[in-house]
């Protein structure tokens, strides 16, 4: 599944540079995660780096997008082939 930044985000800027897929960007009010690019860091790290650095724990599994680890790995492989 992709991750989601909740409206509790304080715009601290620490998550965006941690994303190896470039899935995080500044939205109109808070940071946002592009679910088409989010692999929860599968293929790069053992844990989602944005979740690790978020000081207020406002990054959660996206409730509307469920993906298995295998699906996330295939997404990672597709994204890696595009770059």
PDB file of N, CA and C in Angstrom:
ATOM      1  N   UNK A   1       0.831  -1.172   0.000  1.00  0.00           N
ATOM      2  CA  UNK A   1       0.000   0.000   0.000  1.00  0.00           C
ATOM      3  C   UNK A   1       0.875   1.235   0.000  1.00  0.00           C
ATOM      4  N   UNK A   2       0.370   2.267  -0.527  1.00  0.00           N
ATOM      5  CA  UNK A   2       1.069   3.537  -0.481  1.00  0.00           C
ATOM      6  C   UNK A   2       0.857   4.147   0.898  1.00  0.00           C
ATOM      7  N   UNK A   3       1.628   5.150   1.181  1.00  0.00           N
ATOM      8  CA  UNK A   3       1.484   5.862   2.443  1.00  0.00           C
ATOM      9  C   UNK A   3       0.739   7.161   2.208  1.00  0.00           C
ATOM     10  N   UNK A   4       0.254   7.746   3.291  1.00  0.00           N
ATOM     11  CA  UNK A   4      -0.534   8.964   3.247  1.00  0.00           C
ATOM     12  C   UNK A   4      -0.074   9.873   4.375  1.00  0.00           C
ATOM     13  N   UNK A   5       0.066  11.154   4.083  1.00  0.00           N
ATOM     14  CA  UNK A   5       0.395  12.138   5.107  1.00  0.00           C
ATOM     15  C   UNK A   5      -0.918  12.769   5.557  1.00  0.00           C
ATOM     16  N   UNK A   6      -1.198  12.701   6.850  1.00  0.00           N
ATOM     17  CA  UNK A   6      -2.453  13.232   7.370  1.00  0.00           C
ATOM     18  C   UNK A   6      -2.363  14.744   7.551  1.00  0.00           C
ATOM     19  N   UNK A   7      -3.513  15.353   7.844  1.00  0.00           N
ATOM     20  CA  UNK A   7      -3.548  16.799   8.015  1.00  0.00           C
ATOM     21  C   UNK A   7      -2.897  17.265   9.314  1.00  0.00           C
ATOM     22  N   UNK A   8      -2.336  16.335  10.067  1.00  0.00           N
ATOM     23  CA  UNK A   8      -1.557  16.701  11.250  1.00  0.00           C
ATOM     24  C   UNK A   8      -0.148  17.158  10.876  1.00  0.00           C
ATOM     25  N   UNK A   9       0.213  17.048   9.604  1.00  0.00           N
ATOM     26  CA  UNK A   9       1.533  17.447   9.114  1.00  0.00           C
ATOM     27  C   UNK A   9       1.824  18.890   9.513  1.00  0.00           C
ATOM     28  N   UNK A  10       3.058  19.120   9.996  1.00  0.00           N
ATOM     29  CA  UNK A  10       3.475  20.464  10.413  1.00  0.00           C
ATOM     30  C   UNK A  10       4.438  21.096   9.408  1.00  0.00           C
ATOM     31  N   UNK A  11       4.572  20.491   8.237  1.00  0.00           N
ATOM     32  CA  UNK A  11       5.451  21.028   7.185  1.00  0.00           C
ATOM     33  C   UNK A  11       6.885  21.237   7.670  1.00  0.00           C
ATOM     34  N   UNK A  12       7.406  20.251   8.361  1.00  0.00           N
ATOM     35  CA  UNK A  12       8.756  20.376   8.918  1.00  0.00           C
ATOM     36  C   UNK A  12       9.849  20.118   7.888  1.00  0.00           C
ATOM     37  N   UNK A  13       9.481  19.629   6.715  1.00  0.00           N
ATOM     38  CA  UNK A  13      10.405  19.423   5.604  1.00  0.00           C
ATOM     39  C   UNK A  13      11.368  18.245   5.753  1.00  0.00           C
ATOM     40  N   UNK A  14      11.206  17.380   6.737  1.00  0.00           N
ATOM     41  CA  UNK A  14      12.174  16.288   6.895  1.00  0.00           C
ATOM     42  C   UNK A  14      11.860  15.059   6.049  1.00  0.00           C
ATOM     43  N   UNK A  15      10.597  14.864   5.663  1.00  0.00           N
ATOM     44  CA  UNK A  15      10.238  13.648   4.929  1.00  0.00           C
ATOM     45  C   UNK A  15      10.627  13.706   3.453  1.00  0.00           C
ATOM     46  N   UNK A  16      10.442  14.839   2.824  1.00  0.00           N
ATOM     47  CA  UNK A  16      10.653  14.942   1.374  1.00  0.00           C
ATOM     48  C   UNK A  16      12.039  14.474   0.926  1.00  0.00           C
ATOM     49  N   UNK A  17      13.120  14.951   1.537  1.00  0.00           N
ATOM     50  CA  UNK A  17      14.435  14.504   1.060  1.00  0.00           C
ATOM     51  C   UNK A  17      14.751  13.039   1.354  1.00  0.00           C
ATOM     52  N   UNK A  18      14.009  12.421   2.244  1.00  0.00           N
ATOM     53  CA  UNK A  18      14.251  11.016   2.592  1.00  0.00           C
ATOM     54  C   UNK A  18      13.661  10.039   1.585  1.00  0.00           C
ATOM     55  N   UNK A  19      12.711  10.489   0.756  1.00  0.00           N
ATOM     56  CA  UNK A  19      12.029   9.587  -0.166  1.00  0.00           C
ATOM     57  C   UNK A  19      12.910   9.259  -1.370  1.00  0.00           C
ATOM     58  N   UNK A  20      13.308   7.998  -1.523  1.00  0.00           N
ATOM     59  CA  UNK A  20      14.183   7.626  -2.635  1.00  0.00           C
ATOM     60  C   UNK A  20      13.476   7.620  -3.992  1.00  0.00           C
ATOM     61  N   UNK A  21      12.147   7.638  -3.982  1.00  0.00           N
ATOM     62  CA  UNK A  21      11.389   7.610  -5.234  1.00  0.00           C
ATOM     63  C   UNK A  21      10.875   8.977  -5.660  1.00  0.00           C
ATOM     64  N   UNK A  22      11.115   9.995  -4.855  1.00  0.00           N
ATOM     65  CA  UNK A  22      10.605  11.321  -5.177  1.00  0.00           C
ATOM     66  C   UNK A  22       9.086  11.386  -5.115  1.00  0.00           C
ATOM     67  N   UNK A  23       8.484  10.586  -4.252  1.00  0.00           N
ATOM     68  CA  UNK A  23       7.023  10.517  -4.164  1.00  0.00           C
ATOM     69  C   UNK A  23       6.430  11.617  -3.287  1.00  0.00           C
ATOM     70  N   UNK A  24       7.254  12.281  -2.485  1.00  0.00           N
ATOM     71  CA  UNK A  24       6.753  13.299  -1.558  1.00  0.00           C
ATOM     72  C   UNK A  24       7.026  14.685  -2.116  1.00  0.00           C
ATOM     73  N   UNK A  25       5.997  15.517  -2.076  1.00  0.00           N
ATOM     74  CA  UNK A  25       6.147  16.906  -2.529  1.00  0.00           C
ATOM     75  C   UNK A  25       5.246  17.808  -1.697  1.00  0.00           C
ATOM     76  N   UNK A  26       5.547  19.091  -1.736  1.00  0.00           N
ATOM     77  CA  UNK A  26       4.741  20.056  -1.002  1.00  0.00           C
ATOM     78  C   UNK A  26       3.416  20.245  -1.715  1.00  0.00           C
ATOM     79  N   UNK A  27       2.324  20.039  -1.013  1.00  0.00           N
ATOM     80  CA  UNK A  27       0.995  20.278  -1.560  1.00  0.00           C
ATOM     81  C   UNK A  27       0.565  21.699  -1.252  1.00  0.00           C
ATOM     82  N   UNK A  28      -0.713  21.972  -1.440  1.00  0.00           N
ATOM     83  CA  UNK A  28      -1.217  23.318  -1.169  1.00  0.00           C
ATOM     84  C   UNK A  28      -1.088  23.694   0.303  1.00  0.00           C
ATOM     85  N   UNK A  29      -1.351  22.737   1.192  1.00  0.00           N
ATOM     86  CA  UNK A  29      -1.291  23.045   2.620  1.00  0.00           C
ATOM     87  C   UNK A  29      -0.264  22.209   3.370  1.00  0.00           C
ATOM     88  N   UNK A  30      -0.128  20.943   2.995  1.00  0.00           N
ATOM     89  CA  UNK A  30       0.799  20.032   3.669  1.00  0.00           C
ATOM     90  C   UNK A  30       1.532  19.213   2.618  1.00  0.00           C
ATOM     91  N   UNK A  31       2.523  18.452   3.058  1.00  0.00           N
ATOM     92  CA  UNK A  31       3.206  17.550   2.138  1.00  0.00           C
ATOM     93  C   UNK A  31       2.253  16.443   1.711  1.00  0.00           C
ATOM     94  N   UNK A  32       2.473  15.950   0.496  1.00  0.00           N
ATOM     95  CA  UNK A  32       1.635  14.902  -0.063  1.00  0.00           C
ATOM     96  C   UNK A  32       2.511  13.792  -0.618  1.00  0.00           C
ATOM     97  N   UNK A  33       1.960  12.586  -0.677  1.00  0.00           N
ATOM     98  CA  UNK A  33       2.667  11.440  -1.228  1.00  0.00           C
ATOM     99  C   UNK A  33       1.938  10.980  -2.483  1.00  0.00           C
ATOM    100  N   UNK A  34       2.659  10.897  -3.595  1.00  0.00           N
ATOM    101  CA  UNK A  34       2.102  10.394  -4.841  1.00  0.00           C
ATOM    102  C   UNK A  34       2.056   8.869  -4.739  1.00  0.00           C
ATOM    103  N   UNK A  35       0.859   8.272  -4.674  1.00  0.00           N
ATOM    104  CA  UNK A  35       0.766   6.821  -4.504  1.00  0.00           C
ATOM    105  C   UNK A  35       1.330   6.028  -5.683  1.00  0.00           C
ATOM    106  N   UNK A  36       1.434   6.663  -6.856  1.00  0.00           N
ATOM    107  CA  UNK A  36       2.006   5.972  -8.010  1.00  0.00           C
ATOM    108  C   UNK A  36       3.515   5.805  -7.880  1.00  0.00           C
ATOM    109  N   UNK A  37       4.145   6.593  -7.025  1.00  0.00           N
ATOM    110  CA  UNK A  37       5.592   6.512  -6.825  1.00  0.00           C
ATOM    111  C   UNK A  37       5.984   5.914  -5.481  1.00  0.00           C
ATOM    112  N   UNK A  38       5.029   5.789  -4.568  1.00  0.00           N
ATOM    113  CA  UNK A  38       5.346   5.302  -3.222  1.00  0.00           C
ATOM    114  C   UNK A  38       5.435   3.783  -3.204  1.00  0.00           C
ATOM    115  N   UNK A  39       6.590   3.281  -2.779  1.00  0.00           N
ATOM    116  CA  UNK A  39       6.786   1.843  -2.604  1.00  0.00           C
ATOM    117  C   UNK A  39       7.033   1.503  -1.137  1.00  0.00           C
ATOM    118  N   UNK A  40       6.773   2.475  -0.246  1.00  0.00           N
ATOM    119  CA  UNK A  40       7.090   2.312   1.168  1.00  0.00           C
ATOM    120  C   UNK A  40       8.562   1.969   1.340  1.00  0.00           C
ATOM    121  N   UNK A  41       9.384   2.415   0.421  1.00  0.00           N
ATOM    122  CA  UNK A  41      10.833   2.214   0.391  1.00  0.00           C
ATOM    123  C   UNK A  41      11.239   0.770   0.085  1.00  0.00           C
ATOM    124  N   UNK A  42      10.275  -0.085  -0.285  1.00  0.00           N
ATOM    125  CA  UNK A  42      10.607  -1.442  -0.727  1.00  0.00           C
ATOM    126  C   UNK A  42      11.541  -1.312  -1.923  1.00  0.00           C
ATOM    127  N   UNK A  43      12.624  -2.074  -1.901  1.00  0.00           N
ATOM    128  CA  UNK A  43      13.627  -2.002  -2.950  1.00  0.00           C
ATOM    129  C   UNK A  43      14.791  -1.099  -2.573  1.00  0.00           C
ATOM    130  N   UNK A  44      14.569  -0.237  -1.592  1.00  0.00           N
ATOM    131  CA  UNK A  44      15.614   0.675  -1.139  1.00  0.00           C
ATOM    132  C   UNK A  44      16.034   0.396   0.308  1.00  0.00           C
ATOM    133  N   UNK A  45      15.049   0.312   1.190  1.00  0.00           N
ATOM    134  CA  UNK A  45      15.301   0.171   2.628  1.00  0.00           C
ATOM    135  C   UNK A  45      14.348  -0.859   3.222  1.00  0.00           C
ATOM    136  N   UNK A  46      14.623  -1.273   4.438  1.00  0.00           N
ATOM    137  CA  UNK A  46      13.764  -2.221   5.138  1.00  0.00           C
ATOM    138  C   UNK A  46      12.509  -1.564   5.699  1.00  0.00           C
ATOM    139  N   UNK A  47      12.576  -0.263   5.949  1.00  0.00           N
ATOM    140  CA  UNK A  47      11.436   0.466   6.501  1.00  0.00           C
ATOM    141  C   UNK A  47      11.223   1.751   5.709  1.00  0.00           C
ATOM    142  N   UNK A  48      10.015   2.265   5.766  1.00  0.00           N
ATOM    143  CA  UNK A  48       9.694   3.525   5.085  1.00  0.00           C
ATOM    144  C   UNK A  48      10.439   4.662   5.780  1.00  0.00           C
ATOM    145  N   UNK A  49      11.307   5.316   5.050  1.00  0.00           N
ATOM    146  CA  UNK A  49      12.157   6.345   5.628  1.00  0.00           C
ATOM    147  C   UNK A  49      11.383   7.572   6.079  1.00  0.00           C
ATOM    148  N   UNK A  50      10.335   7.929   5.370  1.00  0.00           N
ATOM    149  CA  UNK A  50       9.544   9.095   5.782  1.00  0.00           C
ATOM    150  C   UNK A  50       8.898   8.852   7.145  1.00  0.00           C
ATOM    151  N   UNK A  51       8.424   7.632   7.362  1.00  0.00           N
ATOM    152  CA  UNK A  51       7.818   7.281   8.645  1.00  0.00           C
ATOM    153  C   UNK A  51       8.863   7.351   9.749  1.00  0.00           C
ATOM    154  N   UNK A  52      10.063   6.895   9.443  1.00  0.00           N
ATOM    155  CA  UNK A  52      11.148   6.893  10.430  1.00  0.00           C
ATOM    156  C   UNK A  52      11.509   8.298  10.904  1.00  0.00           C
ATOM    157  N   UNK A  53      11.489   9.279   9.994  1.00  0.00           N
ATOM    158  CA  UNK A  53      11.948  10.626  10.362  1.00  0.00           C
ATOM    159  C   UNK A  53      10.829  11.568  10.793  1.00  0.00           C
ATOM    160  N   UNK A  54       9.585  11.215  10.559  1.00  0.00           N
ATOM    161  CA  UNK A  54       8.470  12.105  10.889  1.00  0.00           C
ATOM    162  C   UNK A  54       8.397  12.321  12.406  1.00  0.00           C
ATOM    163  N   UNK A  55       8.521  13.565  12.863  1.00  0.00           N
ATOM    164  CA  UNK A  55       8.538  13.810  14.309  1.00  0.00           C
ATOM    165  C   UNK A  55       7.163  13.727  14.978  1.00  0.00           C
ATOM    166  N   UNK A  56       6.084  13.720  14.184  1.00  0.00           N
ATOM    167  CA  UNK A  56       4.761  13.679  14.807  1.00  0.00           C
ATOM    168  C   UNK A  56       3.930  12.469  14.376  1.00  0.00           C
ATOM    169  N   UNK A  57       4.546  11.553  13.673  1.00  0.00           N
ATOM    170  CA  UNK A  57       3.871  10.306  13.270  1.00  0.00           C
ATOM    171  C   UNK A  57       2.581  10.552  12.494  1.00  0.00           C
ATOM    172  N   UNK A  58       2.658  11.416  11.478  1.00  0.00           N
ATOM    173  CA  UNK A  58       1.461  11.714  10.693  1.00  0.00           C
ATOM    174  C   UNK A  58       1.453  11.001   9.341  1.00  0.00           C
ATOM    175  N   UNK A  59       2.341  10.025   9.152  1.00  0.00           N
ATOM    176  CA  UNK A  59       2.376   9.268   7.903  1.00  0.00           C
ATOM    177  C   UNK A  59       1.852   7.869   8.199  1.00  0.00           C
ATOM    178  N   UNK A  60       0.759   7.539   7.520  1.00  0.00           N
ATOM    179  CA  UNK A  60       0.046   6.292   7.801  1.00  0.00           C
ATOM    180  C   UNK A  60      -0.155   5.497   6.508  1.00  0.00           C
ATOM    181  N   UNK A  61      -0.485   4.210   6.622  1.00  0.00           N
ATOM    182  CA  UNK A  61      -0.852   3.457   5.417  1.00  0.00           C
ATOM    183  C   UNK A  61      -2.083   4.090   4.771  1.00  0.00           C
ATOM    184  N   UNK A  62      -2.048   4.218   3.461  1.00  0.00           N
ATOM    185  CA  UNK A  62      -3.175   4.810   2.736  1.00  0.00           C
ATOM    186  C   UNK A  62      -4.363   3.862   2.837  1.00  0.00           C
ATOM    187  N   UNK A  63      -5.484   4.308   3.408  1.00  0.00           N
ATOM    188  CA  UNK A  63      -6.609   3.402   3.611  1.00  0.00           C
ATOM    189  C   UNK A  63      -7.273   2.928   2.312  1.00  0.00           C
ATOM    190  N   UNK A  64      -7.092   3.650   1.231  1.00  0.00           N
ATOM    191  CA  UNK A  64      -7.744   3.278  -0.021  1.00  0.00           C
ATOM    192  C   UNK A  64      -6.863   2.545  -1.003  1.00  0.00           C
ATOM    193  N   UNK A  65      -5.596   2.352  -0.647  1.00  0.00           N
ATOM    194  CA  UNK A  65      -4.665   1.692  -1.569  1.00  0.00           C
ATOM    195  C   UNK A  65      -3.947   0.575  -0.825  1.00  0.00           C
ATOM    196  N   UNK A  66      -4.302  -0.643  -1.137  1.00  0.00           N
ATOM    197  CA  UNK A  66      -3.685  -1.818  -0.503  1.00  0.00           C
ATOM    198  C   UNK A  66      -2.789  -2.518  -1.521  1.00  0.00           C
ATOM    199  N   UNK A  67      -1.513  -2.658  -1.206  1.00  0.00           N
ATOM    200  CA  UNK A  67      -0.563  -3.354  -2.082  1.00  0.00           C
ATOM    201  C   UNK A  67       0.278  -4.306  -1.237  1.00  0.00           C
ATOM    202  N   UNK A  68       0.520  -5.481  -1.756  1.00  0.00           N
ATOM    203  CA  UNK A  68       1.375  -6.446  -1.059  1.00  0.00           C
ATOM    204  C   UNK A  68       2.834  -6.043  -1.242  1.00  0.00           C
ATOM    205  N   UNK A  69       3.692  -6.664  -0.486  1.00  0.00           N
ATOM    206  CA  UNK A  69       5.138  -6.408  -0.619  1.00  0.00           C
ATOM    207  C   UNK A  69       5.598  -6.753  -2.039  1.00  0.00           C
ATOM    208  N   UNK A  70       5.068  -7.829  -2.623  1.00  0.00           N
ATOM    209  CA  UNK A  70       5.422  -8.200  -3.995  1.00  0.00           C
ATOM    210  C   UNK A  70       4.974  -7.134  -4.990  1.00  0.00           C
ATOM    211  N   UNK A  71       3.785  -6.584  -4.791  1.00  0.00           N
ATOM    212  CA  UNK A  71       3.308  -5.517  -5.673  1.00  0.00           C
ATOM    213  C   UNK A  71       4.173  -4.264  -5.533  1.00  0.00           C
ATOM    214  N   UNK A  72       4.576  -3.952  -4.297  1.00  0.00           N
ATOM    215  CA  UNK A  72       5.453  -2.802  -4.079  1.00  0.00           C
ATOM    216  C   UNK A  72       6.809  -3.021  -4.743  1.00  0.00           C
ATOM    217  N   UNK A  73       7.312  -4.265  -4.708  1.00  0.00           N
ATOM    218  CA  UNK A  73       8.588  -4.570  -5.362  1.00  0.00           C
ATOM    219  C   UNK A  73       8.468  -4.411  -6.874  1.00  0.00           C
ATOM    220  N   UNK A  74       7.363  -4.852  -7.438  1.00  0.00           N
ATOM    221  CA  UNK A  74       7.160  -4.671  -8.890  1.00  0.00           C
ATOM    222  C   UNK A  74       7.065  -3.186  -9.251  1.00  0.00           C
ATOM    223  N   UNK A  75       6.419  -2.409  -8.403  1.00  0.00           N
ATOM    224  CA  UNK A  75       6.339  -0.964  -8.638  1.00  0.00           C
ATOM    225  C   UNK A  75       7.743  -0.356  -8.578  1.00  0.00           C
ATOM    226  N   UNK A  76       8.537  -0.769  -7.567  1.00  0.00           N
ATOM    227  CA  UNK A  76       9.922  -0.301  -7.456  1.00  0.00           C
ATOM    228  C   UNK A  76      10.704  -0.632  -8.709  1.00  0.00           C
ATOM    229  N   UNK A  77      10.586  -1.862  -9.210  1.00  0.00           N
ATOM    230  CA  UNK A  77      11.315  -2.286 -10.410  1.00  0.00           C
ATOM    231  C   UNK A  77      10.892  -1.474 -11.622  1.00  0.00           C
ATOM    232  N   UNK A  78       9.604  -1.189 -11.745  1.00  0.00           N
ATOM    233  CA  UNK A  78       9.102  -0.362 -12.840  1.00  0.00           C
ATOM    234  C   UNK A  78       9.652   1.060 -12.768  1.00  0.00           C
ATOM    235  N   UNK A  79       9.631   1.633 -11.559  1.00  0.00           N
ATOM    236  CA  UNK A  79      10.154   2.988 -11.367  1.00  0.00           C
ATOM    237  C   UNK A  79      11.654   3.040 -11.625  1.00  0.00           C
ATOM    238  N   UNK A  80      12.382   2.024 -11.191  1.00  0.00           N
ATOM    239  CA  UNK A  80      13.836   1.983 -11.401  1.00  0.00           C
ATOM    240  C   UNK A  80      14.171   1.882 -12.878  1.00  0.00           C
ATOM    241  N   UNK A  81      13.363   1.167 -13.636  1.00  0.00           N
ATOM    242  CA  UNK A  81      13.606   1.017 -15.074  1.00  0.00           C
ATOM    243  C   UNK A  81      13.340   2.329 -15.822  1.00  0.00           C
ATOM    244  N   UNK A  82      12.468   3.164 -15.273  1.00  0.00           N
ATOM    245  CA  UNK A  82      12.141   4.455 -15.902  1.00  0.00           C
ATOM    246  C   UNK A  82      13.195   5.518 -15.674  1.00  0.00           C
ATOM    247  N   UNK A  83      14.010   5.342 -14.654  1.00  0.00           N
ATOM    248  CA  UNK A  83      14.998   6.388 -14.332  1.00  0.00           C
ATOM    249  C   UNK A  83      16.328   6.157 -14.983  1.00  0.00           C
TER     250      UNK A  83
END
